[in-house]
N, C-alpha and C. Protein backbone atom coordinates (compact mmCIF):
# COMPACT_ATOMS: atom_id res chain seq x y z
N MET A 1 -20.91 -85.11 49.22
CA MET A 1 -20.66 -85.48 48.58
C MET A 1 -22.56 -84.84 48.68
N ARG A 2 -24.20 -83.87 48.02
CA ARG A 2 -24.84 -83.88 48.37
C ARG A 2 -26.07 -85.14 48.67
N LYS A 3 -26.79 -84.45 49.18
CA LYS A 3 -28.03 -85.90 49.65
C LYS A 3 -29.32 -85.21 49.18
N ILE A 4 -29.38 -86.58 48.65
CA ILE A 4 -31.35 -86.48 48.40
C ILE A 4 -31.88 -86.05 49.94
N VAL A 5 -32.99 -85.41 49.95
CA VAL A 5 -33.23 -85.45 50.64
C VAL A 5 -35.60 -85.39 50.90
N VAL A 6 -36.13 -86.53 51.04
CA VAL A 6 -37.78 -86.57 50.54
C VAL A 6 -38.13 -86.31 51.39
N LEU A 7 -39.20 -85.30 51.63
CA LEU A 7 -40.01 -84.44 52.24
C LEU A 7 -41.59 -85.09 51.83
N GLU A 8 -42.24 -85.74 52.44
CA GLU A 8 -43.44 -85.79 52.20
C GLU A 8 -44.07 -86.22 52.89
N PHE A 9 -45.63 -85.26 53.01
CA PHE A 9 -46.78 -85.85 53.83
C PHE A 9 -48.04 -87.01 53.30
N LEU A 10 -47.99 -88.10 54.56
CA LEU A 10 -48.55 -88.98 54.30
C LEU A 10 -49.77 -89.23 55.52
N THR A 11 -50.68 -90.15 54.71
CA THR A 11 -51.37 -90.61 55.48
C THR A 11 -50.85 -92.10 56.57
N LEU A 12 -51.91 -92.20 57.36
CA LEU A 12 -51.53 -93.31 58.06
C LEU A 12 -50.92 -94.70 56.64
N ASP A 13 -51.73 -94.92 56.25
CA ASP A 13 -51.73 -96.38 55.42
C ASP A 13 -51.07 -95.89 53.86
N GLY A 14 -50.04 -94.35 54.18
CA GLY A 14 -49.38 -94.35 53.29
C GLY A 14 -49.43 -93.47 52.22
N VAL A 15 -50.50 -92.77 52.02
CA VAL A 15 -50.82 -92.00 51.00
C VAL A 15 -50.52 -90.90 51.15
N MET A 16 -50.09 -90.16 49.60
CA MET A 16 -49.08 -88.82 49.44
C MET A 16 -49.98 -88.48 48.23
N GLN A 17 -50.86 -88.27 48.12
CA GLN A 17 -51.55 -87.89 46.75
C GLN A 17 -51.97 -86.62 47.27
N ALA A 18 -52.24 -85.61 46.66
CA ALA A 18 -52.33 -84.13 46.92
C ALA A 18 -52.99 -84.17 48.13
N PRO A 19 -52.05 -83.91 48.96
CA PRO A 19 -52.04 -83.62 50.45
C PRO A 19 -52.49 -81.86 50.49
N GLY A 20 -52.17 -81.03 49.63
CA GLY A 20 -52.35 -79.56 49.71
C GLY A 20 -53.73 -78.94 49.47
N GLY A 21 -54.31 -79.81 48.12
CA GLY A 21 -55.35 -78.82 47.37
C GLY A 21 -56.57 -79.73 47.33
N SER A 22 -57.57 -79.78 46.91
CA SER A 22 -59.21 -80.72 46.34
C SER A 22 -58.42 -80.70 44.89
N LYS A 23 -58.24 -80.02 43.92
CA LYS A 23 -57.63 -80.20 42.43
C LYS A 23 -56.44 -80.67 42.32
N GLU A 24 -55.25 -80.60 43.15
CA GLU A 24 -53.75 -80.80 43.31
C GLU A 24 -53.62 -81.63 42.38
N ASP A 25 -54.40 -83.12 42.71
CA ASP A 25 -53.71 -84.32 41.78
C ASP A 25 -55.45 -85.02 41.81
N THR A 26 -56.01 -85.30 40.88
CA THR A 26 -56.61 -86.04 40.71
C THR A 26 -57.06 -87.08 40.01
N ALA A 27 -55.44 -87.96 39.52
CA ALA A 27 -55.47 -88.76 39.05
C ALA A 27 -56.06 -90.31 39.92
N GLU A 28 -56.91 -91.02 38.36
CA GLU A 28 -57.00 -92.38 39.02
C GLU A 28 -58.35 -91.74 40.15
N GLY A 29 -59.07 -90.43 39.90
CA GLY A 29 -60.48 -90.11 40.49
C GLY A 29 -60.37 -89.39 41.78
N PHE A 30 -59.11 -90.08 42.40
CA PHE A 30 -58.77 -89.50 43.67
C PHE A 30 -59.35 -88.51 44.39
N LYS A 31 -60.51 -88.42 45.05
CA LYS A 31 -61.19 -87.49 45.48
C LYS A 31 -60.94 -86.57 47.00
N TYR A 32 -59.80 -87.16 47.33
CA TYR A 32 -59.37 -86.61 48.89
C TYR A 32 -58.87 -85.37 49.24
N GLY A 33 -58.69 -84.78 48.06
CA GLY A 33 -57.52 -83.99 47.44
C GLY A 33 -57.41 -82.82 48.92
N GLY A 34 -56.36 -82.43 49.72
CA GLY A 34 -56.69 -81.59 50.47
C GLY A 34 -56.99 -81.69 52.22
N TRP A 35 -56.19 -83.02 52.29
CA TRP A 35 -56.37 -84.41 53.22
C TRP A 35 -55.64 -83.46 54.45
N THR A 36 -54.35 -83.02 54.34
CA THR A 36 -53.72 -82.40 55.17
C THR A 36 -54.33 -80.96 56.15
N ALA A 37 -55.17 -80.72 55.38
CA ALA A 37 -56.04 -78.93 55.85
C ALA A 37 -56.72 -78.90 57.28
N PRO A 38 -57.58 -79.94 57.81
CA PRO A 38 -57.62 -80.05 59.12
C PRO A 38 -56.99 -80.02 59.74
N TYR A 39 -55.56 -80.46 59.58
CA TYR A 39 -54.73 -81.02 60.89
C TYR A 39 -53.64 -79.87 61.04
N PHE A 40 -53.32 -78.90 60.63
CA PHE A 40 -52.19 -78.12 59.60
C PHE A 40 -52.24 -77.17 60.80
N ASP A 41 -51.43 -76.98 61.83
CA ASP A 41 -51.73 -75.81 62.71
C ASP A 41 -49.92 -74.53 62.92
N ASP A 42 -50.45 -74.15 63.79
CA ASP A 42 -48.74 -73.24 63.85
C ASP A 42 -48.03 -74.10 64.20
N PHE A 43 -47.82 -75.03 65.41
CA PHE A 43 -46.90 -76.05 65.51
C PHE A 43 -46.47 -76.62 63.77
N ALA A 44 -46.97 -76.88 63.33
CA ALA A 44 -46.72 -77.94 62.28
C ALA A 44 -46.07 -76.56 60.98
N GLY A 45 -46.87 -75.49 60.89
CA GLY A 45 -46.11 -74.27 59.68
C GLY A 45 -44.74 -73.79 60.65
N LYS A 46 -44.58 -73.63 61.82
CA LYS A 46 -43.53 -73.34 62.30
C LYS A 46 -41.75 -75.10 62.21
N ILE A 47 -42.44 -75.81 62.38
CA ILE A 47 -41.35 -76.85 61.90
C ILE A 47 -41.45 -76.82 60.35
N MET A 48 -41.98 -76.70 59.58
CA MET A 48 -41.89 -76.41 57.69
C MET A 48 -41.33 -75.60 57.77
N ALA A 49 -41.99 -74.22 58.22
CA ALA A 49 -40.69 -72.89 57.71
C ALA A 49 -39.26 -73.20 58.39
N GLY A 50 -38.69 -73.64 59.22
CA GLY A 50 -37.65 -74.27 59.61
C GLY A 50 -36.80 -75.64 58.73
N GLN A 51 -37.63 -75.72 57.99
CA GLN A 51 -37.47 -76.81 57.13
C GLN A 51 -36.70 -76.13 55.55
N MET A 52 -37.72 -75.65 55.70
CA MET A 52 -37.76 -74.65 54.54
C MET A 52 -36.53 -73.38 54.42
N LYS A 53 -36.24 -73.13 55.66
CA LYS A 53 -34.59 -72.66 55.23
C LYS A 53 -33.45 -72.63 55.47
N LYS A 54 -33.47 -74.14 55.63
CA LYS A 54 -32.42 -74.87 55.48
C LYS A 54 -31.82 -74.28 53.75
N PRO A 55 -30.29 -74.34 53.78
CA PRO A 55 -30.01 -74.33 52.28
C PRO A 55 -30.29 -75.46 51.48
N PHE A 56 -30.53 -75.10 50.50
CA PHE A 56 -31.46 -76.36 49.18
C PHE A 56 -31.55 -75.81 48.23
N SER A 57 -30.94 -77.22 47.17
CA SER A 57 -32.03 -77.01 45.58
C SER A 57 -33.34 -78.21 45.82
N LEU A 58 -34.21 -77.97 44.55
CA LEU A 58 -35.18 -78.46 44.63
C LEU A 58 -34.94 -79.41 43.65
N LEU A 59 -35.21 -80.90 43.73
CA LEU A 59 -35.65 -82.25 42.65
C LEU A 59 -37.31 -82.46 42.60
N LEU A 60 -37.66 -82.69 41.53
CA LEU A 60 -39.09 -82.05 41.16
C LEU A 60 -39.13 -83.33 40.03
N GLY A 61 -40.38 -83.94 40.06
CA GLY A 61 -41.22 -84.55 38.80
C GLY A 61 -41.70 -83.30 38.28
N ARG A 62 -42.20 -83.66 37.20
CA ARG A 62 -42.33 -82.47 35.97
C ARG A 62 -43.92 -81.93 37.03
N LYS A 63 -44.62 -82.96 37.07
CA LYS A 63 -45.99 -82.39 37.66
C LYS A 63 -46.03 -81.37 38.73
N THR A 64 -45.11 -81.93 39.63
CA THR A 64 -44.82 -80.96 41.47
C THR A 64 -43.93 -79.49 40.59
N PHE A 65 -43.55 -79.54 39.58
CA PHE A 65 -42.40 -78.41 39.18
C PHE A 65 -43.42 -77.75 38.44
N GLN A 66 -44.45 -78.05 37.60
CA GLN A 66 -45.63 -77.12 37.42
C GLN A 66 -46.46 -76.42 38.46
N ILE A 67 -46.77 -77.16 39.46
CA ILE A 67 -47.28 -76.65 40.28
C ILE A 67 -46.98 -75.41 41.42
N PHE A 68 -45.65 -75.83 41.64
CA PHE A 68 -44.28 -75.00 41.92
C PHE A 68 -44.13 -74.03 40.96
N ALA A 69 -44.14 -74.27 40.10
CA ALA A 69 -43.96 -72.55 38.89
C ALA A 69 -45.06 -72.06 38.81
N GLY A 70 -46.16 -72.36 39.08
CA GLY A 70 -47.09 -71.64 38.88
C GLY A 70 -47.96 -70.70 40.37
N TYR A 71 -46.53 -71.35 41.52
CA TYR A 71 -47.25 -71.08 42.50
C TYR A 71 -46.27 -69.84 43.22
N TRP A 72 -44.94 -70.26 42.93
CA TRP A 72 -44.20 -70.06 44.56
C TRP A 72 -43.07 -68.35 43.34
N PRO A 73 -43.15 -68.95 41.99
CA PRO A 73 -42.50 -67.28 41.90
C PRO A 73 -42.96 -65.66 42.33
N GLU A 74 -44.35 -66.02 42.82
CA GLU A 74 -44.93 -65.17 43.03
C GLU A 74 -45.05 -65.12 44.74
N HIS A 75 -44.73 -65.84 45.43
CA HIS A 75 -44.82 -66.05 46.59
C HIS A 75 -43.69 -66.33 47.50
N GLU A 76 -42.36 -65.70 47.28
CA GLU A 76 -41.65 -66.08 47.88
C GLU A 76 -41.35 -65.59 48.98
N ASP A 77 -42.05 -64.66 49.64
CA ASP A 77 -42.56 -64.38 51.11
C ASP A 77 -42.10 -65.09 52.20
N MET A 78 -43.33 -66.20 51.89
CA MET A 78 -43.61 -67.24 52.10
C MET A 78 -42.46 -68.19 52.19
N TRP A 79 -41.44 -68.57 51.18
CA TRP A 79 -39.97 -69.85 51.86
C TRP A 79 -39.50 -68.63 50.67
N PRO A 80 -38.86 -68.06 51.87
CA PRO A 80 -37.18 -67.22 51.05
C PRO A 80 -36.52 -68.02 50.25
N GLY A 81 -35.56 -67.88 49.33
CA GLY A 81 -34.97 -68.29 48.59
C GLY A 81 -35.35 -69.13 47.56
N VAL A 82 -36.68 -69.49 47.40
CA VAL A 82 -37.39 -70.61 46.38
C VAL A 82 -36.81 -70.33 45.51
N ASN A 83 -36.61 -68.90 44.94
CA ASN A 83 -36.79 -68.36 43.45
C ASN A 83 -34.90 -68.68 43.10
N ASP A 84 -34.20 -68.05 44.26
CA ASP A 84 -32.84 -68.20 43.58
C ASP A 84 -32.39 -69.83 43.74
N ALA A 85 -32.82 -70.37 44.48
CA ALA A 85 -32.45 -71.91 44.19
C ALA A 85 -32.60 -72.92 42.98
N THR A 86 -31.84 -73.37 42.77
CA THR A 86 -32.23 -74.08 41.75
C THR A 86 -32.68 -75.15 41.47
N LYS A 87 -33.11 -75.60 40.62
CA LYS A 87 -34.51 -76.76 40.36
C LYS A 87 -34.57 -77.21 39.25
N TYR A 88 -34.26 -78.68 40.31
CA TYR A 88 -33.90 -79.70 38.36
C TYR A 88 -35.03 -80.57 38.34
N CYS A 89 -35.67 -80.35 37.29
CA CYS A 89 -37.23 -80.94 37.10
C CYS A 89 -36.42 -82.42 36.29
N VAL A 90 -37.46 -83.02 36.87
CA VAL A 90 -37.15 -84.80 36.15
C VAL A 90 -38.07 -84.82 35.25
N SER A 91 -38.12 -84.94 33.45
CA SER A 91 -38.96 -84.74 32.55
C SER A 91 -39.01 -85.21 31.63
N LYS A 92 -39.58 -86.44 30.46
CA LYS A 92 -39.92 -86.56 29.35
C LYS A 92 -39.89 -85.82 28.35
N THR A 93 -41.03 -84.92 29.03
CA THR A 93 -41.37 -83.31 28.14
C THR A 93 -41.26 -82.34 28.31
N LEU A 94 -41.19 -81.78 29.08
CA LEU A 94 -41.04 -80.06 29.94
C LEU A 94 -39.26 -80.28 29.36
N SER A 95 -38.84 -79.34 29.12
CA SER A 95 -37.68 -78.94 28.78
C SER A 95 -37.04 -76.67 29.03
N SER A 96 -38.55 -76.18 29.45
CA SER A 96 -37.80 -75.18 29.57
C SER A 96 -39.12 -74.49 30.86
N SER A 97 -38.81 -72.89 31.12
CA SER A 97 -39.75 -72.85 31.94
C SER A 97 -39.39 -71.68 32.47
N ASP A 98 -40.55 -70.51 32.65
CA ASP A 98 -39.87 -68.86 33.09
C ASP A 98 -39.57 -69.12 34.34
N TRP A 99 -39.57 -70.15 35.10
CA TRP A 99 -39.27 -69.87 36.79
C TRP A 99 -37.69 -70.05 36.52
N GLN A 100 -37.35 -69.02 37.09
CA GLN A 100 -35.87 -68.87 36.87
C GLN A 100 -35.20 -70.04 37.24
N ASN A 101 -33.59 -69.92 37.51
CA ASN A 101 -32.72 -71.61 37.84
C ASN A 101 -33.20 -72.62 37.84
N SER A 102 -34.54 -72.65 36.74
CA SER A 102 -34.70 -74.22 36.19
C SER A 102 -34.00 -75.13 35.71
N VAL A 103 -33.22 -76.34 35.90
CA VAL A 103 -32.52 -77.15 34.73
C VAL A 103 -33.51 -78.71 34.81
N PHE A 104 -33.49 -78.86 33.75
CA PHE A 104 -34.57 -80.21 33.31
C PHE A 104 -33.20 -81.21 32.96
N ILE A 105 -33.90 -82.20 33.12
CA ILE A 105 -33.30 -83.50 33.39
C ILE A 105 -33.61 -84.56 32.56
N GLY A 106 -33.73 -85.38 31.48
CA GLY A 106 -34.10 -86.12 30.57
C GLY A 106 -32.77 -87.32 30.34
N GLY A 107 -33.34 -88.26 29.64
CA GLY A 107 -32.63 -89.73 29.39
C GLY A 107 -32.14 -90.74 30.47
N ASN A 108 -30.74 -90.65 30.89
CA ASN A 108 -30.49 -90.97 31.61
C ASN A 108 -30.71 -90.70 33.09
N VAL A 109 -32.19 -90.73 33.43
CA VAL A 109 -31.86 -89.84 34.67
C VAL A 109 -31.32 -90.06 35.76
N VAL A 110 -31.31 -91.43 36.23
CA VAL A 110 -30.23 -92.18 37.31
C VAL A 110 -28.91 -92.10 37.22
N GLY A 111 -28.72 -91.71 36.19
CA GLY A 111 -27.14 -91.80 35.69
C GLY A 111 -26.78 -89.48 36.49
N LYS A 112 -27.26 -88.62 35.61
CA LYS A 112 -27.44 -87.59 35.94
C LYS A 112 -27.68 -87.57 37.26
N LEU A 113 -28.35 -87.57 37.70
CA LEU A 113 -28.54 -87.68 39.54
C LEU A 113 -27.38 -88.07 40.47
N LYS A 114 -26.86 -89.05 39.88
CA LYS A 114 -25.85 -89.48 40.86
C LYS A 114 -24.41 -88.49 40.25
N LYS A 115 -24.17 -88.23 39.15
CA LYS A 115 -23.36 -86.98 38.94
C LYS A 115 -24.12 -85.85 39.83
N ILE A 116 -24.66 -85.30 39.70
CA ILE A 116 -25.26 -84.38 40.56
C ILE A 116 -25.04 -84.25 42.19
N LYS A 117 -24.93 -85.49 42.54
CA LYS A 117 -25.10 -85.40 43.79
C LYS A 117 -23.73 -85.57 44.48
N LYS A 118 -22.62 -85.93 43.46
CA LYS A 118 -21.05 -86.10 44.05
C LYS A 118 -21.11 -84.72 43.32
N GLY A 119 -21.91 -83.66 42.76
CA GLY A 119 -20.79 -82.62 42.66
C GLY A 119 -20.91 -81.89 44.02
N LYS A 120 -21.15 -80.31 44.01
CA LYS A 120 -20.81 -79.41 44.68
C LYS A 120 -22.31 -78.64 44.75
N GLY A 121 -22.94 -78.16 46.45
CA GLY A 121 -24.22 -77.33 46.41
C GLY A 121 -24.83 -78.10 47.13
N PRO A 122 -25.75 -77.42 47.39
CA PRO A 122 -27.01 -77.67 49.12
C PRO A 122 -27.52 -79.56 48.82
N ASP A 123 -27.68 -79.46 49.49
CA ASP A 123 -28.69 -80.93 49.97
C ASP A 123 -30.16 -80.99 48.33
N LEU A 124 -30.57 -81.96 47.87
CA LEU A 124 -31.53 -81.86 47.28
C LEU A 124 -32.73 -82.29 47.64
N GLN A 125 -33.63 -81.60 47.76
CA GLN A 125 -34.94 -81.69 48.39
C GLN A 125 -36.26 -81.74 47.64
N VAL A 126 -36.62 -82.80 47.97
CA VAL A 126 -37.65 -83.63 46.90
C VAL A 126 -39.32 -83.26 47.64
N TYR A 127 -39.89 -82.95 47.33
CA TYR A 127 -41.39 -82.35 47.79
C TYR A 127 -42.23 -83.69 46.38
N GLY A 128 -43.66 -83.82 47.00
CA GLY A 128 -44.43 -84.70 46.07
C GLY A 128 -43.41 -85.67 44.87
N SER A 129 -43.83 -85.00 43.71
CA SER A 129 -43.09 -86.25 42.91
C SER A 129 -43.25 -87.68 43.37
N SER A 130 -44.24 -88.71 42.91
CA SER A 130 -44.70 -89.69 43.40
C SER A 130 -44.08 -90.53 42.49
N LYS A 131 -44.06 -90.36 41.58
CA LYS A 131 -43.17 -90.96 40.36
C LYS A 131 -41.41 -90.95 40.43
N LEU A 132 -41.03 -90.08 40.60
CA LEU A 132 -39.95 -89.73 40.71
C LEU A 132 -39.44 -90.34 42.40
N VAL A 133 -40.02 -90.22 43.38
CA VAL A 133 -39.52 -90.84 44.00
C VAL A 133 -39.30 -92.14 44.51
N GLN A 134 -40.33 -92.89 43.46
CA GLN A 134 -40.12 -94.68 43.21
C GLN A 134 -39.31 -94.69 42.38
N THR A 135 -38.61 -93.76 41.42
CA THR A 135 -37.29 -93.90 40.63
C THR A 135 -35.88 -93.84 41.67
N LEU A 136 -36.11 -92.96 42.87
CA LEU A 136 -35.50 -92.62 43.76
C LEU A 136 -34.50 -93.78 44.22
N MET A 137 -36.30 -93.81 44.96
CA MET A 137 -35.91 -95.61 45.94
C MET A 137 -35.64 -96.99 44.92
N LYS A 138 -35.75 -96.91 44.34
CA LYS A 138 -35.16 -98.20 43.61
C LYS A 138 -33.79 -98.12 42.93
N ASN A 139 -33.54 -96.98 42.83
CA ASN A 139 -32.13 -97.22 42.27
C ASN A 139 -30.92 -96.39 44.12
N ASP A 140 -31.70 -96.39 44.89
CA ASP A 140 -30.92 -96.00 46.06
C ASP A 140 -30.29 -94.85 46.46
N LEU A 141 -31.33 -93.82 45.77
CA LEU A 141 -30.12 -92.61 45.95
C LEU A 141 -30.97 -91.14 46.56
N VAL A 142 -31.78 -92.34 47.78
CA VAL A 142 -32.60 -90.99 49.13
C VAL A 142 -31.71 -91.77 50.28
N ASP A 143 -31.00 -90.50 50.72
CA ASP A 143 -30.62 -90.34 52.07
C ASP A 143 -31.41 -89.71 52.95
N GLU A 144 -32.03 -89.22 52.97
CA GLU A 144 -33.05 -88.90 54.05
C GLU A 144 -34.34 -89.14 53.79
N PHE A 145 -35.37 -89.22 54.99
CA PHE A 145 -37.15 -88.77 54.56
C PHE A 145 -37.20 -87.96 55.75
N TRP A 146 -37.51 -86.87 55.23
CA TRP A 146 -38.40 -86.29 56.37
C TRP A 146 -39.94 -86.14 56.53
N LEU A 147 -40.29 -86.92 57.13
CA LEU A 147 -42.21 -87.52 56.83
C LEU A 147 -42.65 -86.56 58.09
N LYS A 148 -43.98 -86.55 57.48
CA LYS A 148 -44.97 -85.73 58.16
C LYS A 148 -46.02 -86.58 58.23
N ILE A 149 -46.58 -87.51 59.09
CA ILE A 149 -47.61 -88.29 59.45
C ILE A 149 -48.63 -87.78 60.06
N PHE A 150 -49.98 -88.01 58.80
CA PHE A 150 -51.26 -87.04 60.09
C PHE A 150 -52.41 -88.82 59.92
N PRO A 151 -52.91 -88.19 60.70
CA PRO A 151 -53.83 -89.11 62.02
C PRO A 151 -55.21 -89.50 60.79
N VAL A 152 -55.34 -90.04 59.56
CA VAL A 152 -55.96 -90.05 59.02
C VAL A 152 -55.66 -91.14 57.76
N THR A 153 -56.68 -92.41 57.38
CA THR A 153 -56.31 -93.05 56.36
C THR A 153 -57.33 -93.03 55.22
N LEU A 154 -56.70 -93.20 54.18
CA LEU A 154 -57.32 -93.05 52.95
C LEU A 154 -57.84 -94.01 51.65
N GLY A 155 -57.63 -95.07 52.24
CA GLY A 155 -57.72 -96.27 51.71
C GLY A 155 -57.12 -96.84 50.37
N SER A 156 -56.91 -95.12 49.39
CA SER A 156 -56.57 -95.42 48.15
C SER A 156 -55.60 -94.16 47.48
N GLY A 157 -54.77 -93.93 46.59
CA GLY A 157 -54.25 -92.62 45.90
C GLY A 157 -52.56 -93.36 45.78
N LYS A 158 -52.16 -92.55 45.70
CA LYS A 158 -50.45 -92.61 45.62
C LYS A 158 -49.99 -93.23 46.80
N LYS A 159 -49.05 -93.76 47.22
CA LYS A 159 -48.47 -94.03 48.14
C LYS A 159 -46.89 -93.73 47.96
N LEU A 160 -46.57 -93.92 49.29
CA LEU A 160 -44.89 -93.54 49.40
C LEU A 160 -44.29 -94.36 49.21
N PHE A 161 -44.90 -95.92 49.63
CA PHE A 161 -43.52 -96.87 49.50
C PHE A 161 -44.40 -98.13 49.00
N GLU A 162 -44.01 -97.93 47.38
CA GLU A 162 -44.81 -98.54 46.32
C GLU A 162 -43.45 -100.19 46.04
N ASP A 163 -44.61 -101.15 45.46
CA ASP A 163 -43.57 -102.29 45.10
C ASP A 163 -42.06 -101.72 44.62
N GLY A 164 -41.48 -102.41 44.92
CA GLY A 164 -39.95 -102.12 44.07
C GLY A 164 -39.04 -101.36 45.05
N THR A 165 -39.33 -100.99 46.28
CA THR A 165 -38.34 -100.44 47.51
C THR A 165 -37.90 -101.14 48.10
N ILE A 166 -36.52 -101.09 48.23
CA ILE A 166 -35.17 -101.78 48.40
C ILE A 166 -34.84 -101.60 49.78
N PRO A 167 -34.35 -103.18 50.12
CA PRO A 167 -34.01 -103.03 51.68
C PRO A 167 -33.25 -102.14 52.11
N VAL A 168 -33.23 -100.86 53.02
CA VAL A 168 -32.44 -100.23 53.76
C VAL A 168 -32.67 -99.66 54.95
N ALA A 169 -32.13 -99.76 55.83
CA ALA A 169 -32.40 -99.27 57.49
C ALA A 169 -32.27 -98.12 57.49
N PHE A 170 -32.75 -96.91 58.16
CA PHE A 170 -32.88 -95.93 58.38
C PHE A 170 -32.79 -95.54 60.01
N LYS A 171 -32.52 -94.34 60.21
CA LYS A 171 -32.36 -94.17 61.51
C LYS A 171 -33.12 -92.88 62.23
N LEU A 172 -33.87 -92.77 63.43
CA LEU A 172 -34.80 -91.68 63.24
C LEU A 172 -33.74 -90.79 63.93
N THR A 173 -33.45 -89.28 63.57
CA THR A 173 -32.52 -88.32 63.68
C THR A 173 -33.30 -86.82 64.43
N GLU A 174 -34.99 -87.05 63.92
CA GLU A 174 -35.96 -86.00 64.68
C GLU A 174 -36.87 -86.17 64.84
N SER A 175 -37.61 -86.06 65.93
CA SER A 175 -39.77 -86.50 65.64
C SER A 175 -40.00 -85.74 67.23
N LYS A 176 -41.17 -85.27 66.30
CA LYS A 176 -41.77 -84.09 67.32
C LYS A 176 -43.57 -84.79 67.15
N ILE A 177 -44.77 -84.30 67.23
CA ILE A 177 -45.89 -84.58 67.67
C ILE A 177 -46.78 -83.43 67.83
N SER A 178 -47.42 -83.13 66.77
CA SER A 178 -48.61 -81.93 66.98
C SER A 178 -49.44 -81.81 68.06
N PRO A 179 -50.20 -80.99 68.29
CA PRO A 179 -50.88 -80.71 69.09
C PRO A 179 -52.33 -81.74 68.61
N SER A 180 -52.54 -81.71 67.18
CA SER A 180 -53.69 -81.71 66.37
C SER A 180 -52.96 -83.36 65.99
N GLY A 181 -51.77 -84.36 66.23
CA GLY A 181 -51.68 -85.79 66.35
C GLY A 181 -50.63 -85.40 65.28
N VAL A 182 -50.09 -84.70 64.56
CA VAL A 182 -48.99 -85.47 63.47
C VAL A 182 -47.44 -85.45 64.08
N ILE A 183 -47.87 -86.52 63.67
CA ILE A 183 -46.29 -87.02 63.49
C ILE A 183 -45.22 -86.63 62.30
N PHE A 184 -44.07 -85.66 63.20
CA PHE A 184 -42.86 -85.12 62.43
C PHE A 184 -41.47 -86.19 62.39
N ALA A 185 -41.21 -86.92 61.91
CA ALA A 185 -40.32 -87.62 62.18
C ALA A 185 -39.13 -87.56 60.84
N ASN A 186 -37.86 -87.67 61.01
CA ASN A 186 -36.66 -87.38 59.95
C ASN A 186 -35.45 -88.52 60.42
N TYR A 187 -35.47 -89.20 59.06
CA TYR A 187 -34.98 -90.67 59.20
C TYR A 187 -33.89 -89.94 57.82
N LYS A 188 -32.16 -90.66 59.11
CA LYS A 188 -31.02 -90.70 57.82
C LYS A 188 -31.18 -92.18 57.59
N ARG A 189 -30.08 -92.44 56.22
CA ARG A 189 -29.65 -93.90 56.12
C ARG A 189 -28.93 -94.52 57.24
N ALA A 190 -29.30 -95.83 57.05
CA ALA A 190 -28.27 -96.45 58.52
C ALA A 190 -27.67 -97.77 58.45
N GLY A 191 -27.45 -97.86 56.97
CA GLY A 191 -26.37 -99.51 56.31
C GLY A 191 -27.14 -99.95 56.14
N LYS A 192 -27.44 -101.51 55.92
CA LYS A 192 -28.03 -102.86 55.39
C LYS A 192 -29.24 -102.99 56.86
N VAL A 193 -30.19 -103.79 56.19
CA VAL A 193 -30.91 -104.00 57.20
C VAL A 193 -30.63 -105.43 57.80
N LYS A 194 -30.87 -105.23 59.18
CA LYS A 194 -30.27 -106.22 60.19
C LYS A 194 -31.39 -107.19 60.65
N THR A 195 -30.99 -108.27 60.67
CA THR A 195 -32.69 -109.68 60.96
C THR A 195 -32.24 -109.57 62.68
N GLY A 196 -32.67 -110.82 63.28
CA GLY A 196 -32.44 -111.21 64.06
C GLY A 196 -33.65 -112.02 64.98
N SER A 197 -33.85 -112.33 66.59
CA SER A 197 -34.60 -113.16 66.76
C SER A 197 -35.70 -112.41 67.74
N MET A 198 -36.88 -112.69 68.56
CA MET A 198 -37.26 -112.05 69.22
C MET A 198 -37.43 -113.20 70.79
N VAL A 199 -37.03 -113.92 70.46
CA VAL A 199 -37.26 -115.22 71.70
C VAL A 199 -36.03 -116.29 71.18
């Protein structure tokens, strides 16, 4: 079975909106776009390059898909294989693209994603796509989180863990800290939430 892996850049207070650029996503007046830039160094670049070299398909929401489709077709040297990979775009309105190997998912999204997961192929990597990620988490479809946690708080913006996140336990599988203080932490599913007492 294929896994769905959510890769996100986060602030300490959980904001995931517009990490890469000032105009990436200004929804609801967000004015801190590009907040990762001051902390991104060679250390972080090497980790990202390693994650991007793994066999993958992409699973993206419409907005992130359009951002990617406007950039990566001309920059494959920075992400080898991105154009040949299958790109699944979840959208109510978008149904075609010039970006090769793009597949569009509408209607019963959850049912279709469950079917894709059961099929053959590489794991599905999710970048950005805040609304899609909420749907994935509410329907128990996330197998792993690969998080990059930056030493900054913003106080507002779209967050990774919003209302409706279901209780799930995860296990830390890998962690590193960059010289600039970015925590790279990979987690995989570890069954149901367990409780106990500290006293």
